[in-house]
């Protein structure tokens, strides 16, 4: 059985409302009761509004809590996912760092190998250039010695042209100054005038061969029988030999012997007349030695000494040999030509090219 709820007690009876009159205590009480009822109603309304707002705030807080829970759950999932992605990123970064280290090591090895290869190529190229410079220098010095020995600039010109061709084939910028020096030396040698030593040597050999046929100044000229025979008219010659008396023949023989014993001539060099016939051989040999001195002076590139020796040979020629002989005059003319062809100019040198070679050899 269900118990019935207790009946509420009956409300208290309110005192009868008396007509209020101003200034009475009853009216004051009525007014205070009215004010307290209004205040109570206002309080009730305020409490209801507060309760309603509290409920609404509670619902809103519940919604906010639910949203925060969902957001926190999503954030946690995102954080887990982000953590997983971060681990993957760390793994990838670790792998990338390892690969970068390997690549850097390989790159450093490749750079080192490249540097070594460049050094090797440069050393090979430099050694090739150095070998080329050494070969050219040795060839030019040998050609200069040949030029000094032969007196002809052709060996030196040929060596310079060969060196220029080799430098053109090498096509190295650092050898451009050497090539320019070689070009200037070639032009200077071409424009220089040098003594034709081979031609002069050949002419001296010809003069030496003619010395043995030169007549000495005190030699007796040979007379032919036709010059000594008395001149006869042509009619007598055509008619045949006429009979000569014995005393005519005896007189002719005496006159011939007298002419052989006595000879009148002009003496400009007394010492030439004192040369004995058996000393003519030594006189010619001395003349050959003077010409040999000229030859040696030309080969030694002593042009002044060669000119002095030629002058001494010419003086000995006119002093001890017959100046009226055609052979003596021919030899004197040849000696004069040799004297004119012996120039005082020295052979051109290649100092500029040798200086450029020395600079390249020093590595500058």
Protein backbone atom coordinates (compact mmCIF):
# COMPACT_ATOMS: atom_id res chain seq x y z
CA UNK A 1 0.00 0.00 0.00
CA UNK A 2 1.16 3.40 -0.87
CA UNK A 3 1.16 5.93 1.84
CA UNK A 4 -0.62 9.07 1.15
CA UNK A 5 1.34 12.24 1.37
CA UNK A 6 0.67 14.32 4.43
CA UNK A 7 -1.77 17.05 4.01
CA UNK A 8 -0.28 20.41 4.27
CA UNK A 9 -1.38 22.58 7.11
CA UNK A 10 -3.86 25.24 6.28
CA UNK A 11 -2.43 28.62 5.55
CA UNK A 12 -2.51 31.05 8.34
CA UNK A 13 -5.28 33.43 8.38
CA UNK A 14 -4.25 36.88 7.53
CA UNK A 15 -5.60 39.67 9.59
CA UNK A 16 -8.31 41.62 8.00
CA UNK A 17 -7.22 44.50 6.01
CA UNK A 18 -8.38 47.61 7.52
CA UNK A 19 -8.59 50.73 5.61
CA UNK A 20 -5.31 52.44 5.96
CA UNK A 21 -5.14 55.81 7.07
CA UNK A 22 -2.07 57.89 6.93
CA UNK A 23 -0.14 58.20 10.02
CA UNK A 24 -1.47 55.02 11.60
CA UNK A 25 0.68 52.04 12.60
CA UNK A 26 -1.54 49.61 10.83
CA UNK A 27 -0.93 51.24 7.51
CA UNK A 28 2.73 51.07 8.13
CA UNK A 29 2.57 47.37 8.78
CA UNK A 30 0.52 46.83 5.62
CA UNK A 31 3.04 48.70 3.61
CA UNK A 32 5.94 46.74 5.08
CA UNK A 33 4.18 43.43 4.34
CA UNK A 34 3.64 44.48 0.76
CA UNK A 35 7.25 45.49 0.40
CA UNK A 36 8.46 42.20 1.87
CA UNK A 37 6.23 40.18 -0.49
CA UNK A 38 7.57 42.10 -3.49
CA UNK A 39 11.07 41.62 -2.29
CA UNK A 40 10.45 37.92 -1.86
CA UNK A 41 9.03 37.65 -5.34
CA UNK A 42 12.02 39.54 -6.70
CA UNK A 43 14.34 37.26 -4.84
CA UNK A 44 12.51 34.25 -6.16
CA UNK A 45 12.75 35.61 -9.68
CA UNK A 46 16.43 36.35 -9.23
CA UNK A 47 17.02 32.90 -7.80
CA UNK A 48 15.11 31.32 -10.70
CA UNK A 49 17.08 33.37 -13.19
CA UNK A 50 20.27 32.41 -11.44
CA UNK A 51 19.24 28.78 -11.45
CA UNK A 52 18.34 28.94 -15.10
CA UNK A 53 21.62 30.64 -15.95
CA UNK A 54 23.45 28.08 -13.87
CA UNK A 55 21.75 25.28 -15.78
CA UNK A 56 22.56 26.94 -19.06
CA UNK A 57 26.15 27.47 -17.95
CA UNK A 58 26.34 23.87 -16.85
CA UNK A 59 25.13 22.68 -20.22
CA UNK A 60 27.53 24.99 -21.96
CA UNK A 61 30.35 23.77 -19.76
CA UNK A 62 29.36 20.21 -20.54
CA UNK A 63 29.46 20.98 -24.23
CA UNK A 64 32.80 22.70 -23.80
CA UNK A 65 34.09 19.75 -21.83
CA UNK A 66 32.92 17.39 -24.54
CA UNK A 67 34.56 19.56 -27.20
CA UNK A 68 37.70 19.76 -25.11
CA UNK A 69 37.65 16.00 -24.66
CA UNK A 70 37.22 15.47 -28.37
CA UNK A 71 39.93 18.05 -29.10
CA UNK A 72 42.24 16.49 -26.55
CA UNK A 73 41.57 13.07 -28.08
CA UNK A 74 42.25 14.46 -31.54
CA UNK A 75 45.30 16.25 -30.22
CA UNK A 76 46.52 13.07 -28.62
CA UNK A 77 46.01 11.17 -31.87
CA UNK A 78 47.73 13.95 -33.76
CA UNK A 79 50.51 13.94 -31.22
CA UNK A 80 50.93 10.18 -31.57
CA UNK A 81 50.90 10.53 -35.32
CA UNK A 82 53.29 13.46 -35.13
CA UNK A 83 55.51 11.46 -32.82
CA UNK A 84 55.53 8.61 -35.30
CA UNK A 85 56.25 11.03 -38.14
CA UNK A 86 58.96 12.61 -36.04
CA UNK A 87 60.53 9.21 -35.48
CA UNK A 88 60.34 8.55 -39.20
CA UNK A 89 61.81 11.98 -39.87
CA UNK A 90 64.56 11.30 -37.38
CA UNK A 91 65.28 7.98 -39.06
CA UNK A 92 65.27 9.65 -42.46
CA UNK A 93 67.44 12.46 -41.13
CA UNK A 94 69.79 9.93 -39.58
CA UNK A 95 69.98 8.04 -42.86
CA UNK A 96 70.44 11.28 -44.76
CA UNK A 97 73.18 12.34 -42.36
CA UNK A 98 74.90 8.98 -42.77
CA UNK A 99 74.59 9.23 -46.53
CA UNK A 100 75.85 12.81 -46.43
CA UNK A 101 78.84 11.74 -44.41
CA UNK A 102 79.53 8.96 -46.91
CA UNK A 103 79.04 11.36 -49.81
CA UNK A 104 81.27 13.94 -48.19
CA UNK A 105 83.96 11.35 -47.63
CA UNK A 106 83.64 10.20 -51.22
CA UNK A 107 83.61 13.80 -52.41
CA UNK A 108 86.74 14.52 -50.43
CA UNK A 109 88.34 11.39 -51.91
CA UNK A 110 87.30 12.47 -55.41
CA UNK A 111 88.60 15.99 -54.78
CA UNK A 112 91.86 14.57 -53.48
CA UNK A 113 92.15 12.26 -56.49
CA UNK A 114 91.32 15.15 -58.80
CA UNK A 115 93.96 17.32 -57.17
CA UNK A 116 96.49 14.53 -57.44
CA UNK A 117 95.51 13.98 -61.07
CA UNK A 118 95.83 17.69 -61.83
CA UNK A 119 99.21 17.78 -60.10
CA UNK A 120 100.27 14.74 -62.09
CA UNK A 121 99.08 16.25 -65.37
CA UNK A 122 100.75 19.55 -64.52
CA UNK A 123 103.97 17.80 -63.56
CA UNK A 124 103.86 15.77 -66.77
CA UNK A 125 103.19 18.88 -68.82
CA UNK A 126 105.88 20.81 -66.96
CA UNK A 127 108.37 17.97 -67.37
CA UNK A 128 107.56 17.82 -71.08
CA UNK A 129 108.09 21.56 -71.40
CA UNK A 130 111.29 21.33 -69.39
CA UNK A 131 112.55 18.51 -71.61
CA UNK A 132 111.66 20.57 -74.66
CA UNK A 133 113.51 23.59 -73.25
CA UNK A 134 116.56 21.48 -72.40
CA UNK A 135 116.62 19.89 -75.88
CA UNK A 136 116.31 23.27 -77.58
CA UNK A 137 119.04 24.79 -75.43
CA UNK A 138 121.46 21.92 -76.12
CA UNK A 139 120.72 22.05 -79.87
CA UNK A 140 121.27 25.81 -80.00
CA UNK A 141 124.53 25.66 -78.07
CA UNK A 142 125.81 22.91 -80.36
CA UNK A 143 124.78 24.94 -83.43
CA UNK A 144 126.53 28.01 -81.99
CA UNK A 145 129.73 26.00 -81.60
CA UNK A 146 129.42 24.76 -85.19
CA UNK A 147 128.92 28.33 -86.36
CA UNK A 148 132.01 29.45 -84.49
CA UNK A 149 134.03 26.60 -86.00
CA UNK A 150 132.82 26.95 -89.58
CA UNK A 151 132.27 30.71 -89.63
CA UNK A 152 128.91 30.21 -91.35
CA UNK A 153 125.62 31.22 -89.69
CA UNK A 154 123.69 28.47 -91.47
CA UNK A 155 123.94 25.86 -88.63
CA UNK A 156 122.66 28.41 -86.13
CA UNK A 157 119.82 29.50 -88.43
CA UNK A 158 118.79 25.89 -89.03
CA UNK A 159 118.76 25.15 -85.29
CA UNK A 160 116.68 28.28 -84.59
CA UNK A 161 114.14 27.36 -87.28
CA UNK A 162 113.87 23.81 -85.90
CA UNK A 163 113.34 25.17 -82.38
CA UNK A 164 110.64 27.55 -83.64
CA UNK A 165 108.80 24.67 -85.35
CA UNK A 166 108.94 22.53 -82.19
CA UNK A 167 107.59 25.40 -80.08
CA UNK A 168 104.78 25.97 -82.59
CA UNK A 169 103.79 22.29 -82.34
CA UNK A 170 103.89 22.43 -78.52
CA UNK A 171 101.45 25.41 -78.44
CA UNK A 172 102.22 26.32 -74.81
CA UNK A 173 101.45 29.91 -73.73
CA UNK A 174 104.38 29.95 -71.30
CA UNK A 175 106.76 29.36 -74.24
CA UNK A 176 105.52 32.38 -76.25
CA UNK A 177 108.34 34.65 -74.98
CA UNK A 178 110.94 32.07 -76.02
CA UNK A 179 109.45 31.85 -79.50
CA UNK A 180 109.47 35.65 -79.84
CA UNK A 181 113.15 35.73 -78.79
CA UNK A 182 113.99 33.06 -81.36
CA UNK A 183 112.20 35.05 -84.09
CA UNK A 184 114.16 38.22 -83.23
CA UNK A 185 117.47 36.31 -83.21
CA UNK A 186 116.68 34.81 -86.64
CA UNK A 187 116.01 38.26 -88.09
CA UNK A 188 119.20 39.66 -86.52
CA UNK A 189 121.34 36.81 -87.90
CA UNK A 190 119.82 37.21 -91.36
CA UNK A 191 120.60 40.93 -91.40
CA UNK A 192 124.17 40.48 -90.12
CA UNK A 193 127.13 40.42 -92.54
CA UNK A 194 129.72 37.76 -91.79
CA UNK A 195 132.95 36.71 -93.40
CA UNK A 196 132.73 33.94 -95.98
CA UNK A 197 135.27 31.75 -94.25
CA UNK A 198 134.89 28.66 -96.50
CA UNK A 199 135.44 30.77 -99.64
CA UNK A 200 138.48 32.47 -98.11
CA UNK A 201 139.94 29.13 -97.06
CA UNK A 202 139.56 27.79 -100.58
CA UNK A 203 141.26 30.87 -102.01
CA UNK A 204 144.11 30.56 -99.51
CA UNK A 205 144.62 26.93 -100.53
CA UNK A 206 144.87 28.06 -104.16
CA UNK A 207 147.45 30.69 -103.22
CA UNK A 208 149.48 28.09 -101.29
CA UNK A 209 149.57 25.89 -104.40
CA UNK A 210 150.88 28.83 -106.48
CA UNK A 211 153.71 29.68 -104.06
CA UNK A 212 155.95 26.89 -105.43
CA UNK A 213 155.84 28.49 -108.91
CA UNK A 214 156.69 32.02 -107.79
CA UNK A 215 160.07 33.30 -109.13
CA UNK A 216 162.52 34.62 -106.53
CA UNK A 217 163.63 38.24 -106.91
CA UNK A 218 167.36 37.34 -107.45
CA UNK A 219 166.69 34.50 -109.92
CA UNK A 220 168.38 34.81 -113.36
CA UNK A 221 165.73 35.01 -116.10
CA UNK A 222 165.95 32.20 -118.61
CA UNK A 223 166.75 33.26 -122.16
CA UNK A 224 165.59 31.43 -125.21
CA UNK A 225 167.83 30.65 -128.15
CA UNK A 226 165.65 32.66 -130.49
CA UNK A 227 166.09 35.76 -128.34
CA UNK A 228 169.90 35.40 -128.26
CA UNK A 229 170.30 34.47 -131.90
CA UNK A 230 171.24 37.39 -134.15
CA UNK A 231 168.40 38.68 -136.17
CA UNK A 232 168.76 37.93 -139.83
CA UNK A 233 166.69 39.13 -142.71
CA UNK A 234 163.78 37.03 -143.86
CA UNK A 235 165.36 36.47 -147.26
CA UNK A 236 168.37 34.91 -145.58
CA UNK A 237 166.19 32.68 -143.46
CA UNK A 238 164.27 31.53 -146.49
CA UNK A 239 167.45 30.96 -148.41
CA UNK A 240 168.79 28.58 -145.78
CA UNK A 241 171.62 28.70 -143.22
CA UNK A 242 174.53 30.79 -144.40
CA UNK A 243 178.07 29.69 -143.69
CA UNK A 244 179.43 31.35 -140.50
CA UNK A 245 183.09 31.95 -139.97
CA UNK A 246 184.80 30.38 -137.02
CA UNK A 247 185.67 33.66 -135.43
CA UNK A 248 181.93 34.69 -135.46
CA UNK A 249 181.03 31.56 -133.56
CA UNK A 250 183.83 32.15 -131.06
CA UNK A 251 182.71 35.76 -130.50
CA UNK A 252 179.06 34.69 -129.90
CA UNK A 253 180.10 32.11 -127.31
CA UNK A 254 182.26 34.64 -125.45
CA UNK A 255 179.46 37.21 -125.42
CA UNK A 256 176.97 34.62 -124.10
CA UNK A 257 179.28 33.69 -121.26
CA UNK A 258 179.82 37.35 -120.44
CA UNK A 259 176.12 38.04 -120.31
CA UNK A 260 175.68 35.09 -117.90
CA UNK A 261 178.39 36.38 -115.60
CA UNK A 262 177.25 39.99 -115.40
CA UNK A 263 173.61 41.19 -114.99
CA UNK A 264 172.54 44.77 -114.35
CA UNK A 265 169.23 45.30 -112.49
CA UNK A 266 167.58 47.68 -110.00
CA UNK A 267 167.86 46.55 -106.33
CA UNK A 268 165.07 47.87 -104.03
CA UNK A 269 165.44 45.13 -101.36
CA UNK A 270 169.10 44.36 -100.71
CA UNK A 271 168.32 41.41 -98.42
CA UNK A 272 166.37 39.75 -101.26
CA UNK A 273 169.52 39.75 -103.37
CA UNK A 274 171.45 37.99 -100.62
CA UNK A 275 169.21 34.93 -100.61
CA UNK A 276 171.14 31.91 -101.79
CA UNK A 277 169.57 29.69 -104.46
CA UNK A 278 169.34 26.75 -102.03
CA UNK A 279 167.42 28.98 -99.56
CA UNK A 280 164.58 29.62 -102.00
CA UNK A 281 162.87 26.43 -100.75
CA UNK A 282 162.82 27.73 -97.17
CA UNK A 283 161.64 31.13 -98.44
CA UNK A 284 158.62 29.51 -100.11
CA UNK A 285 157.92 27.39 -97.03
CA UNK A 286 157.99 30.53 -94.87
CA UNK A 287 155.50 32.10 -97.26
CA UNK A 288 153.26 29.02 -96.87
CA UNK A 289 153.50 29.30 -93.08
CA UNK A 290 152.34 32.91 -93.24
CA UNK A 291 149.33 31.84 -95.32
CA UNK A 292 148.70 29.01 -92.85
CA UNK A 293 148.67 31.59 -90.05
CA UNK A 294 146.00 33.48 -92.00
CA UNK A 295 143.97 30.28 -92.25
CA UNK A 296 144.28 29.57 -88.52
CA UNK A 297 143.33 33.15 -87.65
CA UNK A 298 140.20 32.87 -89.78
CA UNK A 299 139.24 29.58 -88.14
CA UNK A 300 139.88 31.08 -84.70
CA UNK A 301 137.66 34.08 -85.57
CA UNK A 302 140.56 36.48 -85.06
CA UNK A 303 139.89 38.70 -88.03
CA UNK A 304 142.34 41.40 -87.02
CA UNK A 305 145.14 38.84 -86.75
CA UNK A 306 144.12 37.42 -90.13
CA UNK A 307 144.30 40.86 -91.74
CA UNK A 308 147.74 41.43 -90.19
CA UNK A 309 148.97 38.04 -91.46
CA UNK A 310 147.67 38.80 -94.96
CA UNK A 311 149.50 42.16 -94.88
CA UNK A 312 152.70 40.38 -93.76
CA UNK A 313 152.35 37.79 -96.56
CA UNK A 314 151.85 40.57 -99.13
CA UNK A 315 154.92 42.40 -97.85
CA UNK A 316 157.02 39.21 -98.01
CA UNK A 317 155.70 38.52 -101.52
CA UNK A 318 156.85 41.89 -102.87
CA UNK A 319 160.09 41.73 -100.89
CA UNK A 320 161.49 38.32 -101.81
CA UNK A 321 159.74 37.47 -105.08
CA UNK A 322 159.92 39.08 -108.50
CA UNK A 323 157.24 41.82 -108.56
CA UNK A 324 157.37 41.96 -112.35
CA UNK A 325 156.29 38.35 -112.78
CA UNK A 326 152.70 37.67 -113.80
CA UNK A 327 152.41 34.90 -111.22
CA UNK A 328 153.57 37.21 -108.47
CA UNK A 329 151.08 39.86 -109.57
CA UNK A 330 148.24 37.28 -109.66
CA UNK A 331 149.06 36.07 -106.13
CA UNK A 332 149.27 39.69 -104.93
CA UNK A 333 145.83 40.41 -106.42
CA UNK A 334 144.35 37.36 -104.68
CA UNK A 335 145.91 38.41 -101.36
CA UNK A 336 144.40 41.86 -101.79
CA UNK A 337 140.95 40.29 -102.37
CA UNK A 338 141.36 38.17 -99.23
CA UNK A 339 142.35 41.31 -97.32
CA UNK A 340 139.15 43.03 -98.46
CA UNK A 341 136.89 40.08 -97.68
CA UNK A 342 138.14 39.64 -94.11
CA UNK A 343 135.63 41.76 -92.21
CA UNK A 344 135.97 42.85 -88.63
CA UNK A 345 132.32 42.07 -87.79
CA UNK A 346 131.87 39.27 -85.33
CA UNK A 347 129.42 36.42 -85.72
CA UNK A 348 125.95 37.19 -84.36
CA UNK A 349 125.09 35.68 -81.00
CA UNK A 350 121.79 34.41 -79.60
CA UNK A 351 122.07 35.90 -76.13
CA UNK A 352 118.36 36.82 -76.01
CA UNK A 353 117.25 33.27 -76.77
CA UNK A 354 119.69 31.79 -74.25
CA UNK A 355 118.45 34.24 -71.59
CA UNK A 356 114.83 33.21 -72.27
CA UNK A 357 115.85 29.55 -72.02
CA UNK A 358 117.58 30.20 -68.71
CA UNK A 359 114.47 31.95 -67.38
CA UNK A 360 112.24 29.03 -68.37
CA UNK A 361 114.70 26.56 -66.91
CA UNK A 362 114.56 28.42 -63.59
CA UNK A 363 110.77 28.02 -63.58
CA UNK A 364 109.91 31.74 -63.69
